[in-house]
Amino acid sequence: MNINEESAKESSELLGKTTNKVYLALQGEKYLVGDRFSCADLASAALLAPLCKPTKYGLDWPQKYPKPLTGIIAAYSGRLGWVNRVYKSHR
């Protein structure tokens, strides 16, 4: 998988840019595309679910995560509330 310090930093930056883009796209909107649930919402919510741990995901999330991952989850939690909303409404 070629994971190293540099690739981890690049991935972290990409995650930040991507979550910000999705967050901004949802300002004042319920869905990413149009006025109803679509594949865009499903795919985005599914990919970001591990950072939000939605209750209706279909599995039991670990009770504890490693500290670095806990920090990442905390950093993005304010921008990813819509993921939990998607799971509550469409799961």
PDB file of N, CA and C in Angstrom:
ATOM      1  N   MET A   1       0.814  -1.186   0.000  1.00  0.00           N
ATOM      2  CA  MET A   1       0.000   0.000   0.000  1.00  0.00           C
ATOM      3  C   MET A   1       0.866   1.262   0.000  1.00  0.00           C
ATOM      4  N   ASN A   2       2.144   1.090   0.237  1.00  0.00           N
ATOM      5  CA  ASN A   2       3.098   2.195   0.190  1.00  0.00           C
ATOM      6  C   ASN A   2       2.697   3.354   1.106  1.00  0.00           C
ATOM      7  N   ILE A   3       2.317   3.007   2.344  1.00  0.00           N
ATOM      8  CA  ILE A   3       1.961   4.036   3.319  1.00  0.00           C
ATOM      9  C   ILE A   3       3.222   4.462   4.054  1.00  0.00           C
ATOM     10  N   ASN A   4       3.470   5.733   4.003  1.00  0.00           N
ATOM     11  CA  ASN A   4       4.614   6.300   4.721  1.00  0.00           C
ATOM     12  C   ASN A   4       4.220   7.695   5.198  1.00  0.00           C
ATOM     13  N   GLU A   5       5.150   8.385   5.826  1.00  0.00           N
ATOM     14  CA  GLU A   5       4.829   9.702   6.378  1.00  0.00           C
ATOM     15  C   GLU A   5       4.348  10.678   5.295  1.00  0.00           C
ATOM     16  N   GLU A   6       5.004  10.662   4.161  1.00  0.00           N
ATOM     17  CA  GLU A   6       4.632  11.578   3.073  1.00  0.00           C
ATOM     18  C   GLU A   6       3.259  11.241   2.492  1.00  0.00           C
ATOM     19  N   SER A   7       3.018   9.955   2.220  1.00  0.00           N
ATOM     20  CA  SER A   7       1.721   9.584   1.643  1.00  0.00           C
ATOM     21  C   SER A   7       0.589   9.793   2.646  1.00  0.00           C
ATOM     22  N   ALA A   8       0.870   9.594   3.939  1.00  0.00           N
ATOM     23  CA  ALA A   8      -0.144   9.841   4.967  1.00  0.00           C
ATOM     24  C   ALA A   8      -0.486  11.329   5.026  1.00  0.00           C
ATOM     25  N   LYS A   9       0.518  12.178   4.907  1.00  0.00           N
ATOM     26  CA  LYS A   9       0.285  13.628   4.911  1.00  0.00           C
ATOM     27  C   LYS A   9      -0.540  14.041   3.695  1.00  0.00           C
ATOM     28  N   GLU A  10      -0.205  13.502   2.530  1.00  0.00           N
ATOM     29  CA  GLU A  10      -0.965  13.805   1.310  1.00  0.00           C
ATOM     30  C   GLU A  10      -2.419  13.360   1.450  1.00  0.00           C
ATOM     31  N   SER A  11      -2.621  12.174   2.006  1.00  0.00           N
ATOM     32  CA  SER A  11      -3.990  11.668   2.194  1.00  0.00           C
ATOM     33  C   SER A  11      -4.770  12.534   3.165  1.00  0.00           C
ATOM     34  N   SER A  12      -4.117  12.976   4.222  1.00  0.00           N
ATOM     35  CA  SER A  12      -4.771  13.844   5.199  1.00  0.00           C
ATOM     36  C   SER A  12      -5.191  15.167   4.557  1.00  0.00           C
ATOM     37  N   GLU A  13      -4.326  15.729   3.746  1.00  0.00           N
ATOM     38  CA  GLU A  13      -4.650  16.978   3.052  1.00  0.00           C
ATOM     39  C   GLU A  13      -5.805  16.779   2.074  1.00  0.00           C
ATOM     40  N   LEU A  14      -5.789  15.674   1.365  1.00  0.00           N
ATOM     41  CA  LEU A  14      -6.871  15.377   0.419  1.00  0.00           C
ATOM     42  C   LEU A  14      -8.197  15.168   1.142  1.00  0.00           C
ATOM     43  N   LEU A  15      -8.161  14.484   2.273  1.00  0.00           N
ATOM     44  CA  LEU A  15      -9.376  14.285   3.066  1.00  0.00           C
ATOM     45  C   LEU A  15      -9.921  15.629   3.526  1.00  0.00           C
ATOM     46  N   GLY A  16      -9.052  16.514   3.961  1.00  0.00           N
ATOM     47  CA  GLY A  16      -9.475  17.841   4.389  1.00  0.00           C
ATOM     48  C   GLY A  16     -10.123  18.623   3.261  1.00  0.00           C
ATOM     49  N   LYS A  17      -9.503  18.619   2.090  1.00  0.00           N
ATOM     50  CA  LYS A  17     -10.054  19.332   0.937  1.00  0.00           C
ATOM     51  C   LYS A  17     -11.395  18.744   0.513  1.00  0.00           C
ATOM     52  N   THR A  18     -11.477  17.435   0.506  1.00  0.00           N
ATOM     53  CA  THR A  18     -12.692  16.756   0.054  1.00  0.00           C
ATOM     54  C   THR A  18     -13.851  16.982   1.017  1.00  0.00           C
ATOM     55  N   THR A  19     -13.601  16.817   2.314  1.00  0.00           N
ATOM     56  CA  THR A  19     -14.682  17.030   3.278  1.00  0.00           C
ATOM     57  C   THR A  19     -15.127  18.490   3.269  1.00  0.00           C
ATOM     58  N   ASN A  20     -14.202  19.402   3.066  1.00  0.00           N
ATOM     59  CA  ASN A  20     -14.564  20.816   2.979  1.00  0.00           C
ATOM     60  C   ASN A  20     -15.434  21.081   1.754  1.00  0.00           C
ATOM     61  N   LYS A  21     -15.082  20.475   0.633  1.00  0.00           N
ATOM     62  CA  LYS A  21     -15.852  20.651  -0.604  1.00  0.00           C
ATOM     63  C   LYS A  21     -17.282  20.134  -0.428  1.00  0.00           C
ATOM     64  N   VAL A  22     -17.423  18.974   0.180  1.00  0.00           N
ATOM     65  CA  VAL A  22     -18.750  18.403   0.416  1.00  0.00           C
ATOM     66  C   VAL A  22     -19.528  19.281   1.397  1.00  0.00           C
ATOM     67  N   TYR A  23     -18.870  19.711   2.456  1.00  0.00           N
ATOM     68  CA  TYR A  23     -19.511  20.572   3.449  1.00  0.00           C
ATOM     69  C   TYR A  23     -20.036  21.853   2.797  1.00  0.00           C
ATOM     70  N   LEU A  24     -19.231  22.482   1.981  1.00  0.00           N
ATOM     71  CA  LEU A  24     -19.641  23.713   1.314  1.00  0.00           C
ATOM     72  C   LEU A  24     -20.781  23.467   0.320  1.00  0.00           C
ATOM     73  N   ALA A  25     -20.743  22.335  -0.363  1.00  0.00           N
ATOM     74  CA  ALA A  25     -21.804  22.005  -1.318  1.00  0.00           C
ATOM     75  C   ALA A  25     -23.144  21.808  -0.626  1.00  0.00           C
ATOM     76  N   LEU A  26     -23.116  21.405   0.628  1.00  0.00           N
ATOM     77  CA  LEU A  26     -24.358  21.129   1.358  1.00  0.00           C
ATOM     78  C   LEU A  26     -24.917  22.337   2.098  1.00  0.00           C
ATOM     79  N   GLN A  27     -24.241  23.455   2.074  1.00  0.00           N
ATOM     80  CA  GLN A  27     -24.743  24.640   2.770  1.00  0.00           C
ATOM     81  C   GLN A  27     -26.090  25.059   2.180  1.00  0.00           C
ATOM     82  N   GLY A  28     -27.097  24.993   3.015  1.00  0.00           N
ATOM     83  CA  GLY A  28     -28.445  25.352   2.576  1.00  0.00           C
ATOM     84  C   GLY A  28     -29.125  24.281   1.751  1.00  0.00           C
ATOM     85  N   GLU A  29     -28.501  23.139   1.605  1.00  0.00           N
ATOM     86  CA  GLU A  29     -29.064  22.044   0.790  1.00  0.00           C
ATOM     87  C   GLU A  29     -29.219  20.797   1.648  1.00  0.00           C
ATOM     88  N   LYS A  30     -30.175  19.982   1.307  1.00  0.00           N
ATOM     89  CA  LYS A  30     -30.373  18.719   2.012  1.00  0.00           C
ATOM     90  C   LYS A  30     -29.567  17.594   1.358  1.00  0.00           C
ATOM     91  N   TYR A  31     -29.379  17.696   0.048  1.00  0.00           N
ATOM     92  CA  TYR A  31     -28.679  16.654  -0.712  1.00  0.00           C
ATOM     93  C   TYR A  31     -27.586  17.258  -1.582  1.00  0.00           C
ATOM     94  N   LEU A  32     -26.662  16.427  -1.992  1.00  0.00           N
ATOM     95  CA  LEU A  32     -25.540  16.895  -2.810  1.00  0.00           C
ATOM     96  C   LEU A  32     -25.954  17.289  -4.225  1.00  0.00           C
ATOM     97  N   VAL A  33     -26.902  16.527  -4.784  1.00  0.00           N
ATOM     98  CA  VAL A  33     -27.331  16.783  -6.167  1.00  0.00           C
ATOM     99  C   VAL A  33     -28.855  16.846  -6.209  1.00  0.00           C
ATOM    100  N   GLY A  34     -29.381  17.972  -6.552  1.00  0.00           N
ATOM    101  CA  GLY A  34     -30.829  18.085  -6.684  1.00  0.00           C
ATOM    102  C   GLY A  34     -31.549  18.116  -5.358  1.00  0.00           C
ATOM    103  N   ASP A  35     -32.831  17.757  -5.405  1.00  0.00           N
ATOM    104  CA  ASP A  35     -33.666  17.851  -4.210  1.00  0.00           C
ATOM    105  C   ASP A  35     -34.095  16.500  -3.650  1.00  0.00           C
ATOM    106  N   ARG A  36     -33.351  15.451  -4.017  1.00  0.00           N
ATOM    107  CA  ARG A  36     -33.652  14.138  -3.440  1.00  0.00           C
ATOM    108  C   ARG A  36     -32.388  13.312  -3.302  1.00  0.00           C
ATOM    109  N   PHE A  37     -32.493  12.290  -2.495  1.00  0.00           N
ATOM    110  CA  PHE A  37     -31.380  11.383  -2.217  1.00  0.00           C
ATOM    111  C   PHE A  37     -30.891  10.749  -3.518  1.00  0.00           C
ATOM    112  N   SER A  38     -29.558  10.724  -3.701  1.00  0.00           N
ATOM    113  CA  SER A  38     -29.002  10.161  -4.934  1.00  0.00           C
ATOM    114  C   SER A  38     -27.765   9.320  -4.624  1.00  0.00           C
ATOM    115  N   CYS A  39     -27.219   8.750  -5.672  1.00  0.00           N
ATOM    116  CA  CYS A  39     -25.983   7.958  -5.546  1.00  0.00           C
ATOM    117  C   CYS A  39     -24.842   8.795  -4.979  1.00  0.00           C
ATOM    118  N   ALA A  40     -24.835  10.088  -5.264  1.00  0.00           N
ATOM    119  CA  ALA A  40     -23.788  10.970  -4.741  1.00  0.00           C
ATOM    120  C   ALA A  40     -23.841  11.016  -3.217  1.00  0.00           C
ATOM    121  N   ASP A  41     -25.040  11.117  -2.665  1.00  0.00           N
ATOM    122  CA  ASP A  41     -25.206  11.136  -1.213  1.00  0.00           C
ATOM    123  C   ASP A  41     -24.813   9.789  -0.609  1.00  0.00           C
ATOM    124  N   LEU A  42     -25.277   8.725  -1.235  1.00  0.00           N
ATOM    125  CA  LEU A  42     -24.985   7.381  -0.757  1.00  0.00           C
ATOM    126  C   LEU A  42     -23.481   7.112  -0.747  1.00  0.00           C
ATOM    127  N   ALA A  43     -22.823   7.385  -1.848  1.00  0.00           N
ATOM    128  CA  ALA A  43     -21.387   7.106  -1.957  1.00  0.00           C
ATOM    129  C   ALA A  43     -20.589   7.956  -0.976  1.00  0.00           C
ATOM    130  N   SER A  44     -20.906   9.229  -0.893  1.00  0.00           N
ATOM    131  CA  SER A  44     -20.167  10.121   0.004  1.00  0.00           C
ATOM    132  C   SER A  44     -20.360   9.717   1.460  1.00  0.00           C
ATOM    133  N   ALA A  45     -21.597   9.455   1.841  1.00  0.00           N
ATOM    134  CA  ALA A  45     -21.869   9.065   3.223  1.00  0.00           C
ATOM    135  C   ALA A  45     -21.211   7.730   3.567  1.00  0.00           C
ATOM    136  N   ALA A  46     -21.239   6.787   2.643  1.00  0.00           N
ATOM    137  CA  ALA A  46     -20.628   5.480   2.897  1.00  0.00           C
ATOM    138  C   ALA A  46     -19.123   5.596   3.078  1.00  0.00           C
ATOM    139  N   LEU A  47     -18.481   6.410   2.255  1.00  0.00           N
ATOM    140  CA  LEU A  47     -17.032   6.560   2.349  1.00  0.00           C
ATOM    141  C   LEU A  47     -16.608   7.308   3.609  1.00  0.00           C
ATOM    142  N   LEU A  48     -17.445   8.205   4.082  1.00  0.00           N
ATOM    143  CA  LEU A  48     -17.103   8.993   5.261  1.00  0.00           C
ATOM    144  C   LEU A  48     -17.655   8.412   6.557  1.00  0.00           C
ATOM    145  N   ALA A  49     -18.432   7.355   6.473  1.00  0.00           N
ATOM    146  CA  ALA A  49     -19.048   6.759   7.653  1.00  0.00           C
ATOM    147  C   ALA A  49     -18.045   6.389   8.754  1.00  0.00           C
ATOM    148  N   PRO A  50     -16.880   5.849   8.444  1.00  0.00           N
ATOM    149  CA  PRO A  50     -15.957   5.514   9.532  1.00  0.00           C
ATOM    150  C   PRO A  50     -15.532   6.719  10.379  1.00  0.00           C
ATOM    151  N   LEU A  51     -15.627   7.910   9.833  1.00  0.00           N
ATOM    152  CA  LEU A  51     -15.290   9.109  10.609  1.00  0.00           C
ATOM    153  C   LEU A  51     -16.467   9.583  11.457  1.00  0.00           C
ATOM    154  N   CYS A  52     -17.665   9.090  11.169  1.00  0.00           N
ATOM    155  CA  CYS A  52     -18.877   9.548  11.866  1.00  0.00           C
ATOM    156  C   CYS A  52     -19.505   8.469  12.726  1.00  0.00           C
ATOM    157  N   LYS A  53     -19.240   7.232  12.418  1.00  0.00           N
ATOM    158  CA  LYS A  53     -19.788   6.076  13.128  1.00  0.00           C
ATOM    159  C   LYS A  53     -21.319   6.125  13.243  1.00  0.00           C
ATOM    160  N   PRO A  54     -22.027   6.244  12.119  1.00  0.00           N
ATOM    161  CA  PRO A  54     -23.490   6.315  12.200  1.00  0.00           C
ATOM    162  C   PRO A  54     -24.080   5.035  12.794  1.00  0.00           C
ATOM    163  N   THR A  55     -25.136   5.211  13.580  1.00  0.00           N
ATOM    164  CA  THR A  55     -25.736   4.067  14.269  1.00  0.00           C
ATOM    165  C   THR A  55     -26.414   3.094  13.320  1.00  0.00           C
ATOM    166  N   LYS A  56     -26.894   3.556  12.197  1.00  0.00           N
ATOM    167  CA  LYS A  56     -27.591   2.659  11.270  1.00  0.00           C
ATOM    168  C   LYS A  56     -26.689   2.183  10.123  1.00  0.00           C
ATOM    169  N   TYR A  57     -25.402   2.138  10.355  1.00  0.00           N
ATOM    170  CA  TYR A  57     -24.467   1.721   9.320  1.00  0.00           C
ATOM    171  C   TYR A  57     -24.552   0.229   9.031  1.00  0.00           C
ATOM    172  N   GLY A  58     -24.852  -0.559  10.043  1.00  0.00           N
ATOM    173  CA  GLY A  58     -24.977  -1.998   9.837  1.00  0.00           C
ATOM    174  C   GLY A  58     -23.900  -2.809  10.531  1.00  0.00           C
ATOM    175  N   LEU A  59     -23.076  -2.162  11.344  1.00  0.00           N
ATOM    176  CA  LEU A  59     -22.090  -2.890  12.138  1.00  0.00           C
ATOM    177  C   LEU A  59     -21.831  -2.135  13.424  1.00  0.00           C
ATOM    178  N   ASP A  60     -21.254  -2.840  14.385  1.00  0.00           N
ATOM    179  CA  ASP A  60     -20.898  -2.200  15.649  1.00  0.00           C
ATOM    180  C   ASP A  60     -19.522  -1.577  15.503  1.00  0.00           C
ATOM    181  N   TRP A  61     -19.455  -0.262  15.706  1.00  0.00           N
ATOM    182  CA  TRP A  61     -18.173   0.429  15.617  1.00  0.00           C
ATOM    183  C   TRP A  61     -17.341   0.104  16.850  1.00  0.00           C
ATOM    184  N   PRO A  62     -16.038   0.124  16.729  1.00  0.00           N
ATOM    185  CA  PRO A  62     -15.185  -0.112  17.908  1.00  0.00           C
ATOM    186  C   PRO A  62     -15.485   0.913  18.999  1.00  0.00           C
ATOM    187  N   GLN A  63     -15.376   0.484  20.244  1.00  0.00           N
ATOM    188  CA  GLN A  63     -15.605   1.387  21.363  1.00  0.00           C
ATOM    189  C   GLN A  63     -14.489   2.426  21.470  1.00  0.00           C
ATOM    190  N   LYS A  64     -13.276   2.038  21.100  1.00  0.00           N
ATOM    191  CA  LYS A  64     -12.129   2.935  21.168  1.00  0.00           C
ATOM    192  C   LYS A  64     -11.364   2.878  19.861  1.00  0.00           C
ATOM    193  N   TYR A  65     -10.866   4.029  19.458  1.00  0.00           N
ATOM    194  CA  TYR A  65      -9.986   4.115  18.299  1.00  0.00           C
ATOM    195  C   TYR A  65      -8.606   4.542  18.777  1.00  0.00           C
ATOM    196  N   PRO A  66      -7.576   4.268  18.004  1.00  0.00           N
ATOM    197  CA  PRO A  66      -6.245   4.766  18.365  1.00  0.00           C
ATOM    198  C   PRO A  66      -6.264   6.293  18.445  1.00  0.00           C
ATOM    199  N   LYS A  67      -5.422   6.866  19.304  1.00  0.00           N
ATOM    200  CA  LYS A  67      -5.412   8.320  19.507  1.00  0.00           C
ATOM    201  C   LYS A  67      -5.296   9.127  18.215  1.00  0.00           C
ATOM    202  N   PRO A  68      -4.405   8.763  17.298  1.00  0.00           N
ATOM    203  CA  PRO A  68      -4.336   9.567  16.068  1.00  0.00           C
ATOM    204  C   PRO A  68      -5.658   9.584  15.301  1.00  0.00           C
ATOM    205  N   LEU A  69      -6.340   8.463  15.242  1.00  0.00           N
ATOM    206  CA  LEU A  69      -7.624   8.402  14.542  1.00  0.00           C
ATOM    207  C   LEU A  69      -8.699   9.166  15.300  1.00  0.00           C
ATOM    208  N   THR A  70      -8.661   9.111  16.619  1.00  0.00           N
ATOM    209  CA  THR A  70      -9.606   9.881  17.428  1.00  0.00           C
ATOM    210  C   THR A  70      -9.461  11.368  17.132  1.00  0.00           C
ATOM    211  N   GLY A  71      -8.235  11.832  16.965  1.00  0.00           N
ATOM    212  CA  GLY A  71      -7.990  13.232  16.627  1.00  0.00           C
ATOM    213  C   GLY A  71      -8.539  13.603  15.262  1.00  0.00           C
ATOM    214  N   ILE A  72      -8.390  12.715  14.304  1.00  0.00           N
ATOM    215  CA  ILE A  72      -8.910  12.953  12.951  1.00  0.00           C
ATOM    216  C   ILE A  72     -10.433  13.020  12.984  1.00  0.00           C
ATOM    217  N   ILE A  73     -11.046  12.101  13.693  1.00  0.00           N
ATOM    218  CA  ILE A  73     -12.506  12.085  13.806  1.00  0.00           C
ATOM    219  C   ILE A  73     -12.997  13.384  14.443  1.00  0.00           C
ATOM    220  N   ALA A  74     -12.345  13.823  15.495  1.00  0.00           N
ATOM    221  CA  ALA A  74     -12.731  15.063  16.175  1.00  0.00           C
ATOM    222  C   ALA A  74     -12.578  16.270  15.246  1.00  0.00           C
ATOM    223  N   ALA A  75     -11.525  16.270  14.455  1.00  0.00           N
ATOM    224  CA  ALA A  75     -11.264  17.404  13.563  1.00  0.00           C
ATOM    225  C   ALA A  75     -12.346  17.561  12.495  1.00  0.00           C
ATOM    226  N   TYR A  76     -12.942  16.471  12.064  1.00  0.00           N
ATOM    227  CA  TYR A  76     -13.930  16.521  10.989  1.00  0.00           C
ATOM    228  C   TYR A  76     -15.372  16.442  11.464  1.00  0.00           C
ATOM    229  N   SER A  77     -15.589  16.197  12.737  1.00  0.00           N
ATOM    230  CA  SER A  77     -16.945  15.950  13.229  1.00  0.00           C
ATOM    231  C   SER A  77     -17.907  17.108  12.967  1.00  0.00           C
ATOM    232  N   GLY A  78     -17.444  18.327  13.040  1.00  0.00           N
ATOM    233  CA  GLY A  78     -18.316  19.469  12.816  1.00  0.00           C
ATOM    234  C   GLY A  78     -18.779  19.618  11.383  1.00  0.00           C
ATOM    235  N   ARG A  79     -18.077  19.021  10.470  1.00  0.00           N
ATOM    236  CA  ARG A  79     -18.425  19.149   9.054  1.00  0.00           C
ATOM    237  C   ARG A  79     -19.140  17.926   8.492  1.00  0.00           C
ATOM    238  N   LEU A  80     -19.289  16.899   9.294  1.00  0.00           N
ATOM    239  CA  LEU A  80     -19.834  15.656   8.762  1.00  0.00           C
ATOM    240  C   LEU A  80     -21.142  15.213   9.408  1.00  0.00           C
ATOM    241  N   GLY A  81     -21.833  16.122  10.066  1.00  0.00           N
ATOM    242  CA  GLY A  81     -23.110  15.767  10.678  1.00  0.00           C
ATOM    243  C   GLY A  81     -24.127  15.259   9.672  1.00  0.00           C
ATOM    244  N   TRP A  82     -24.011  15.704   8.446  1.00  0.00           N
ATOM    245  CA  TRP A  82     -24.950  15.278   7.403  1.00  0.00           C
ATOM    246  C   TRP A  82     -24.858  13.784   7.139  1.00  0.00           C
ATOM    247  N   VAL A  83     -23.690  13.176   7.400  1.00  0.00           N
ATOM    248  CA  VAL A  83     -23.549  11.729   7.187  1.00  0.00           C
ATOM    249  C   VAL A  83     -24.514  10.988   8.099  1.00  0.00           C
ATOM    250  N   ASN A  84     -24.555  11.369   9.367  1.00  0.00           N
ATOM    251  CA  ASN A  84     -25.487  10.733  10.299  1.00  0.00           C
ATOM    252  C   ASN A  84     -26.932  10.989   9.882  1.00  0.00           C
ATOM    253  N   ARG A  85     -27.220  12.177   9.390  1.00  0.00           N
ATOM    254  CA  ARG A  85     -28.571  12.487   8.921  1.00  0.00           C
ATOM    255  C   ARG A  85     -28.971  11.583   7.754  1.00  0.00           C
ATOM    256  N   VAL A  86     -28.036  11.365   6.831  1.00  0.00           N
ATOM    257  CA  VAL A  86     -28.305  10.485   5.681  1.00  0.00           C
ATOM    258  C   VAL A  86     -28.638   9.070   6.165  1.00  0.00           C
ATOM    259  N   TYR A  87     -27.871   8.566   7.135  1.00  0.00           N
ATOM    260  CA  TYR A  87     -28.132   7.216   7.630  1.00  0.00           C
ATOM    261  C   TYR A  87     -29.437   7.134   8.380  1.00  0.00           C
ATOM    262  N   LYS A  88     -29.785   8.160   9.132  1.00  0.00           N
ATOM    263  CA  LYS A  88     -31.068   8.168   9.854  1.00  0.00           C
ATOM    264  C   LYS A  88     -32.249   8.221   8.889  1.00  0.00           C
ATOM    265  N   SER A  89     -32.100   8.981   7.819  1.00  0.00           N
ATOM    266  CA  SER A  89     -33.208   9.179   6.888  1.00  0.00           C
ATOM    267  C   SER A  89     -33.332   8.121   5.807  1.00  0.00           C
ATOM    268  N   HIS A  90     -32.236   7.508   5.416  1.00  0.00           N
ATOM    269  CA  HIS A  90     -32.257   6.642   4.225  1.00  0.00           C
ATOM    270  C   HIS A  90     -31.715   5.240   4.448  1.00  0.00           C
ATOM    271  N   ARG A  91     -31.544   4.849   5.653  1.00  0.00           N
ATOM    272  CA  ARG A  91     -31.039   3.496   5.916  1.00  0.00           C
ATOM    273  C   ARG A  91     -32.169   2.638   6.399  1.00  0.00           C
TER     274      ARG A  91
END
